[in-house]
Protein backbone atom coordinates (compact mmCIF):
# COMPACT_ATOMS: atom_id res chain seq x y z
CA MET A 1 0.20 41.78 -22.21
CA MET A 2 -2.21 40.09 -24.61
CA GLU A 3 0.53 39.51 -27.21
CA ASP A 4 2.90 38.27 -24.65
CA ASN A 5 0.30 35.67 -23.48
CA GLN A 6 -0.43 34.66 -27.11
CA SER A 7 3.31 34.12 -27.77
CA LEU A 8 3.87 32.18 -24.51
CA CYS A 9 0.77 29.98 -25.09
CA GLN A 10 1.86 29.22 -28.63
CA GLN A 11 5.36 28.20 -27.43
CA ALA A 12 3.97 26.08 -24.69
CA GLU A 13 1.62 24.31 -27.07
CA ARG A 14 4.25 23.84 -29.82
CA SER A 15 6.77 22.46 -27.20
CA LEU A 16 4.14 19.79 -26.23
CA THR A 17 3.81 18.49 -29.76
CA LYS A 18 7.37 19.22 -31.00
CA LYS A 19 10.21 19.26 -28.47
CA TYR A 20 8.47 17.05 -25.92
CA ARG A 21 6.45 15.03 -28.50
CA LYS A 22 8.16 11.81 -27.48
CA GLN A 23 7.90 12.40 -23.66
CA LEU A 24 4.52 14.15 -23.44
CA TRP A 25 2.29 14.15 -26.46
CA ALA A 26 2.96 10.47 -27.52
CA PRO A 27 2.35 8.78 -24.06
CA PHE A 28 -0.64 11.09 -23.62
CA ILE A 29 -2.28 9.87 -26.84
CA ALA A 30 -1.14 6.28 -26.11
CA GLY A 31 -2.86 6.42 -22.74
CA VAL A 32 -6.17 7.80 -24.16
CA LYS A 33 -6.21 5.18 -26.87
CA THR A 34 -5.02 2.16 -24.80
CA TYR A 35 -7.54 2.66 -22.02
CA ASN A 36 -10.35 3.96 -24.30
CA LEU A 37 -10.73 7.08 -22.28
CA LEU A 38 -12.65 9.16 -24.86
CA GLN A 39 -15.70 8.39 -27.07
CA GLU A 40 -17.51 10.58 -29.59
CA GLY A 41 -20.00 12.86 -27.97
CA ASP A 42 -18.31 12.83 -24.54
CA ARG A 43 -18.31 15.99 -22.59
CA VAL A 44 -15.22 16.21 -20.30
CA ALA A 45 -14.69 18.47 -17.33
CA VAL A 46 -10.94 18.90 -17.09
CA CYS A 47 -10.15 19.51 -13.40
CA VAL A 48 -7.44 22.16 -12.90
CA SER A 49 -5.87 22.54 -9.37
CA GLY A 50 -3.18 25.00 -10.49
CA GLY A 51 -0.24 22.71 -10.19
CA LYS A 52 1.94 21.69 -13.14
CA ASP A 53 0.29 18.27 -13.77
CA SER A 54 -3.45 19.66 -14.22
CA MET A 55 -2.14 22.61 -16.25
CA ALA A 56 -0.27 20.25 -18.63
CA LEU A 57 -3.37 18.06 -18.78
CA ALA A 58 -5.52 21.18 -19.66
CA LYS A 59 -3.18 22.05 -22.57
CA LEU A 60 -2.87 18.53 -23.79
CA MET A 61 -6.71 18.18 -23.85
CA GLN A 62 -7.09 21.38 -25.72
CA LEU A 63 -4.77 20.16 -28.46
CA LEU A 64 -6.40 16.88 -28.60
CA HIS A 65 -9.78 18.57 -28.91
CA ARG A 66 -8.32 20.71 -31.85
CA TYR A 67 -6.87 17.74 -33.77
CA SER A 68 -9.37 14.96 -32.87
CA GLN A 69 -10.97 12.99 -35.63
CA PHE A 70 -14.23 12.75 -33.64
CA PRO A 71 -16.17 15.45 -31.82
CA PHE A 72 -16.20 15.73 -27.98
CA GLY A 73 -16.69 18.64 -25.64
CA LEU A 74 -14.49 20.17 -22.99
CA GLU A 75 -15.05 22.29 -19.84
CA PHE A 76 -12.11 23.52 -17.65
CA ILE A 77 -13.09 23.81 -14.00
CA ALA A 78 -11.11 24.79 -10.92
CA MET A 79 -12.43 24.42 -7.33
CA ASP A 80 -11.23 26.85 -4.78
CA PRO A 81 -11.25 24.86 -1.43
CA GLY A 82 -10.03 27.89 0.47
CA TYR A 83 -6.80 28.94 -1.25
CA SER A 84 -4.84 32.01 -0.01
CA PRO A 85 -5.44 35.06 -2.18
CA GLU A 86 -1.89 34.65 -3.64
CA ASN A 87 -2.43 31.08 -4.76
CA ARG A 88 -5.87 31.91 -6.34
CA ALA A 89 -4.31 34.83 -8.10
CA ARG A 90 -1.45 32.67 -9.52
CA LEU A 91 -4.02 30.03 -10.68
CA LEU A 92 -6.00 32.66 -12.65
CA ALA A 93 -2.88 34.33 -14.00
CA ASN A 94 -1.52 30.99 -15.40
CA ALA A 95 -4.84 30.06 -16.88
CA GLN A 96 -4.90 33.48 -18.64
CA ARG A 97 -1.31 33.12 -19.83
CA LEU A 98 -2.00 29.60 -21.29
CA GLN A 99 -5.31 30.68 -22.65
CA VAL A 100 -7.37 27.95 -20.68
CA PRO A 101 -10.87 29.17 -20.33
CA LEU A 102 -11.13 28.33 -16.62
CA GLN A 103 -14.25 28.39 -14.55
CA VAL A 104 -13.56 28.77 -10.82
CA PHE A 105 -16.16 27.85 -8.08
CA ASP A 106 -15.67 28.34 -4.39
CA THR A 107 -16.10 25.88 -1.55
CA ASN A 108 -15.21 25.81 2.15
CA ILE A 109 -13.57 22.31 2.06
CA PHE A 110 -10.37 23.34 3.97
CA ASP A 111 -12.48 24.72 6.80
CA VAL A 112 -14.71 21.68 6.96
CA ALA A 113 -11.84 19.11 6.52
CA ASP A 114 -9.94 20.86 9.42
CA TRP A 115 -12.36 19.05 11.86
CA GLY A 116 -11.25 15.68 10.56
CA GLY A 117 -8.06 15.75 12.59
CA LYS A 118 -5.66 12.93 11.43
CA ASN A 119 -8.28 12.05 8.68
CA ALA A 120 -8.30 15.54 7.21
CA CYS A 121 -6.53 14.57 4.05
CA TYR A 122 -8.98 11.69 3.34
CA LEU A 123 -11.94 13.89 4.08
CA CYS A 124 -10.61 16.67 1.94
CA ALA A 125 -10.00 14.29 -0.97
CA ARG A 126 -13.54 12.83 -0.78
CA MET A 127 -15.23 16.23 -0.59
CA ARG A 128 -13.14 17.57 -3.43
CA ARG A 129 -14.07 14.62 -5.73
CA GLY A 130 -17.82 15.03 -4.82
CA HIS A 131 -17.73 18.83 -5.59
CA LEU A 132 -16.05 18.17 -8.92
CA TYR A 133 -18.49 15.56 -10.04
CA LYS A 134 -21.45 17.84 -9.05
CA ARG A 135 -20.09 20.82 -10.96
CA ALA A 136 -19.31 18.73 -13.93
CA GLN A 137 -22.92 17.35 -14.04
CA GLN A 138 -24.30 20.90 -13.79
CA LEU A 139 -22.19 21.70 -16.90
CA GLY A 140 -23.54 18.68 -18.82
CA CYS A 141 -20.47 16.56 -18.61
CA ASN A 142 -20.42 12.85 -18.32
CA LYS A 143 -16.60 12.60 -17.32
CA ILE A 144 -14.09 14.42 -15.25
CA ALA A 145 -10.41 14.21 -16.17
CA LEU A 146 -7.84 14.36 -13.35
CA GLY A 147 -4.04 15.10 -13.75
CA HIS A 148 -2.68 11.92 -12.12
CA HIS A 149 0.45 10.72 -14.01
CA PHE A 150 2.60 7.64 -14.26
CA ASN A 151 4.57 8.39 -11.09
CA ASP A 152 1.38 8.98 -9.06
CA VAL A 153 0.20 5.46 -10.22
CA ILE A 154 3.22 3.53 -9.08
CA GLU A 155 3.70 5.50 -5.96
CA THR A 156 0.00 4.92 -4.90
CA THR A 157 0.53 1.22 -5.68
CA VAL A 158 3.67 0.97 -3.26
CA MET A 159 1.91 3.12 -0.65
CA ALA A 160 -1.20 0.83 -0.54
CA MET A 161 1.07 -2.17 -0.09
CA PHE A 162 3.43 -0.66 2.51
CA TYR A 163 1.01 1.45 4.50
CA GLY A 164 -2.47 0.04 3.70
CA ALA A 165 -1.80 -3.69 3.48
CA GLN A 166 -3.61 -3.79 0.13
CA LEU A 167 -2.86 -4.70 -3.54
CA GLN A 168 -4.55 -1.69 -4.90
CA ALA A 169 -4.05 0.34 -8.04
CA MET A 170 -5.07 3.71 -9.38
CA PRO A 171 -7.13 2.82 -12.47
CA PRO A 172 -7.07 4.98 -15.72
CA ARG A 173 -10.84 5.09 -15.71
CA LEU A 174 -13.39 4.63 -12.94
CA GLN A 175 -17.14 4.68 -12.91
CA SER A 176 -18.52 6.85 -10.10
CA LYS A 177 -20.69 5.03 -7.51
CA ASN A 178 -22.36 8.06 -6.14
CA TYR A 179 -22.92 9.92 -9.34
CA PRO A 180 -24.56 7.63 -11.92
CA GLY A 181 -23.49 8.12 -15.45
CA MET A 182 -20.34 9.89 -14.43
CA GLU A 183 -16.80 8.55 -15.00
CA LEU A 184 -13.35 9.62 -13.90
CA ILE A 185 -10.40 9.39 -16.42
CA ARG A 186 -6.81 9.93 -16.02
CA PRO A 187 -5.33 10.94 -19.47
CA LEU A 188 -1.72 11.35 -18.15
CA TYR A 189 -1.59 7.68 -17.10
CA ARG A 190 1.48 6.88 -19.14
CA VAL A 191 3.18 10.44 -18.80
CA HIS A 192 6.18 10.60 -16.52
CA GLU A 193 6.45 13.54 -13.98
CA GLN A 194 9.95 14.35 -15.13
CA ALA A 195 8.59 15.18 -18.66
CA ILE A 196 6.00 17.58 -17.17
CA LEU A 197 8.68 19.28 -15.06
CA ALA A 198 10.85 19.62 -18.19
CA TRP A 199 8.11 21.17 -20.15
CA GLN A 200 7.50 23.55 -17.32
CA ARG A 201 11.06 24.68 -16.96
CA TYR A 202 11.53 25.00 -20.81
CA ASN A 203 8.53 27.53 -20.92
CA GLN A 204 9.67 29.16 -17.62
CA LEU A 205 6.23 28.59 -16.09
CA GLU A 206 5.57 28.86 -12.33
CA PHE A 207 2.60 26.76 -11.15
CA LEU A 208 1.35 26.16 -7.69
CA ARG A 209 3.59 23.63 -5.97
CA CYS A 210 1.29 22.78 -3.11
CA ALA A 211 -1.70 24.88 -2.22
CA CYS A 212 -3.11 22.32 0.26
CA LYS A 213 -2.59 23.48 3.85
CA PHE A 214 -2.90 19.73 5.03
CA THR A 215 -0.04 18.58 2.90
CA GLN A 216 1.88 21.66 4.08
CA GLN A 217 1.16 20.75 7.79
CA ALA A 218 2.39 17.11 7.14
CA ALA A 219 5.63 18.39 5.57
CA ALA A 220 6.23 20.56 8.54
CA CYS A 221 5.92 17.62 10.77
CA GLY A 222 8.48 15.48 9.06
CA GLY A 223 7.14 14.80 5.49
CA SER A 224 4.42 12.66 3.90
CA LYS A 225 4.32 8.91 3.15
CA ARG A 226 4.19 9.82 -0.56
CA GLN A 227 7.54 11.61 -0.22
CA GLU A 228 8.94 8.67 1.53
CA VAL A 229 7.95 6.37 -1.27
CA LYS A 230 9.39 8.84 -3.88
CA GLU A 231 12.69 8.89 -2.21
CA LEU A 232 12.61 5.02 -1.80
CA LEU A 233 12.00 4.57 -5.54
CA ALA A 234 14.69 7.04 -6.44
CA GLY A 235 17.17 5.14 -4.47
CA LEU A 236 16.15 1.83 -5.97
CA LYS A 237 16.21 3.25 -9.45
CA LYS A 238 20.06 3.85 -9.05
CA THR A 239 20.60 0.11 -9.00
CA ASN A 240 17.65 -0.93 -11.07
CA PRO A 241 16.76 1.64 -13.86
CA ASN A 242 13.71 -0.35 -14.85
CA ILE A 243 12.10 -0.27 -11.22
CA GLU A 244 9.43 2.24 -12.01
CA LYS A 245 8.46 0.53 -15.46
CA ASN A 246 8.47 -2.95 -13.79
CA ILE A 247 6.04 -1.70 -11.03
CA PHE A 248 3.77 -0.12 -13.74
CA MET A 249 3.85 -3.21 -15.92
CA SER A 250 3.06 -5.45 -12.90
CA LEU A 251 -0.38 -3.75 -12.79
CA HIS A 252 -1.11 -4.99 -16.21
CA ASN A 253 0.40 -8.47 -15.80
CA LEU A 254 -1.62 -9.86 -12.89
CA CYS A 255 -1.49 -13.54 -11.99
CA PRO A 256 -4.62 -14.10 -9.95
CA HIS A 257 -4.02 -17.84 -9.47
CA THR A 258 -0.97 -17.06 -7.39
CA PHE A 259 -2.97 -15.18 -4.72
CA PRO A 260 -4.12 -16.83 -1.51
CA VAL A 261 -7.88 -17.52 -1.40
CA ALA A 262 -9.93 -16.79 1.63
CA ASP A 263 -11.68 -19.50 3.65
CA SER A 264 -14.92 -20.16 1.73
CA GLN A 265 -16.96 -20.77 4.80
CA GLU A 266 -15.82 -18.06 7.05
CA GLY A 267 -14.81 -15.65 4.41
CA GLN A 268 -11.43 -15.04 6.13
CA PRO A 269 -7.99 -16.33 5.55
CA PRO A 270 -7.22 -19.57 7.39
CA SER A 271 -6.23 -18.97 10.91
CA GLU A 272 -2.72 -19.85 12.06
CA ASN A 273 -2.01 -22.01 15.08
CA PRO A 274 0.83 -20.43 17.03
CA GLU A 275 1.59 -23.82 18.47
CA GLN A 276 2.69 -25.13 15.07
CA LYS A 277 5.47 -22.55 14.49
């Protein structure tokens, strides 16, 4: 079994830098450099949920650490919010197969968030982030790395507009307000989800697809807003192949002078008079 894991791990690593170099390694490195995500002396907690994105991130960060021209430290942490025994076993098995030295810590987030009702997902996400920051600090880290990729970025942007009435993006790096000195980074910012899926299939890996019971409950009730946006973008892409790239680039090409300005005295947009319509 040890030899099998060694062989599989070597193939998975080699495919990241060889077969999928253009689709995975190159945009990963470009994102790290473009957004200045790593500095010499950093100690980064790579957060692994067990899904394809975080596992790909873990391997890419391992390779970067191996080949980097400046020293930085890595810790690989996984928070168990209340996974089923089967999901936890798969998480650990994949970490062992890919030789990721994973540290798992337990929480009762699923049980606590269950009291949130319709806000369970929001409550769960907030608590997850807090637990990850806290554990990272305990390990002497100054950054946590999450596995959000290019498609997460554009989908979140569209969701914020359509369902939150906000022009809000998912930044590649974010200073924590509640944990001074801690920063969140997203090294997969320029990596497309399809590239991660292709790497997973090529190496015949089976990761956790969705271990969150709240997402599963939403799917049982007709699907999530994120899935709606995924399908919308897929439809638009058929007639406009550049739709995803254009949304992504729009986040980098802001024109602030074109936005409406709130009333300086009241701090609110000017009110409309229905009589004038």
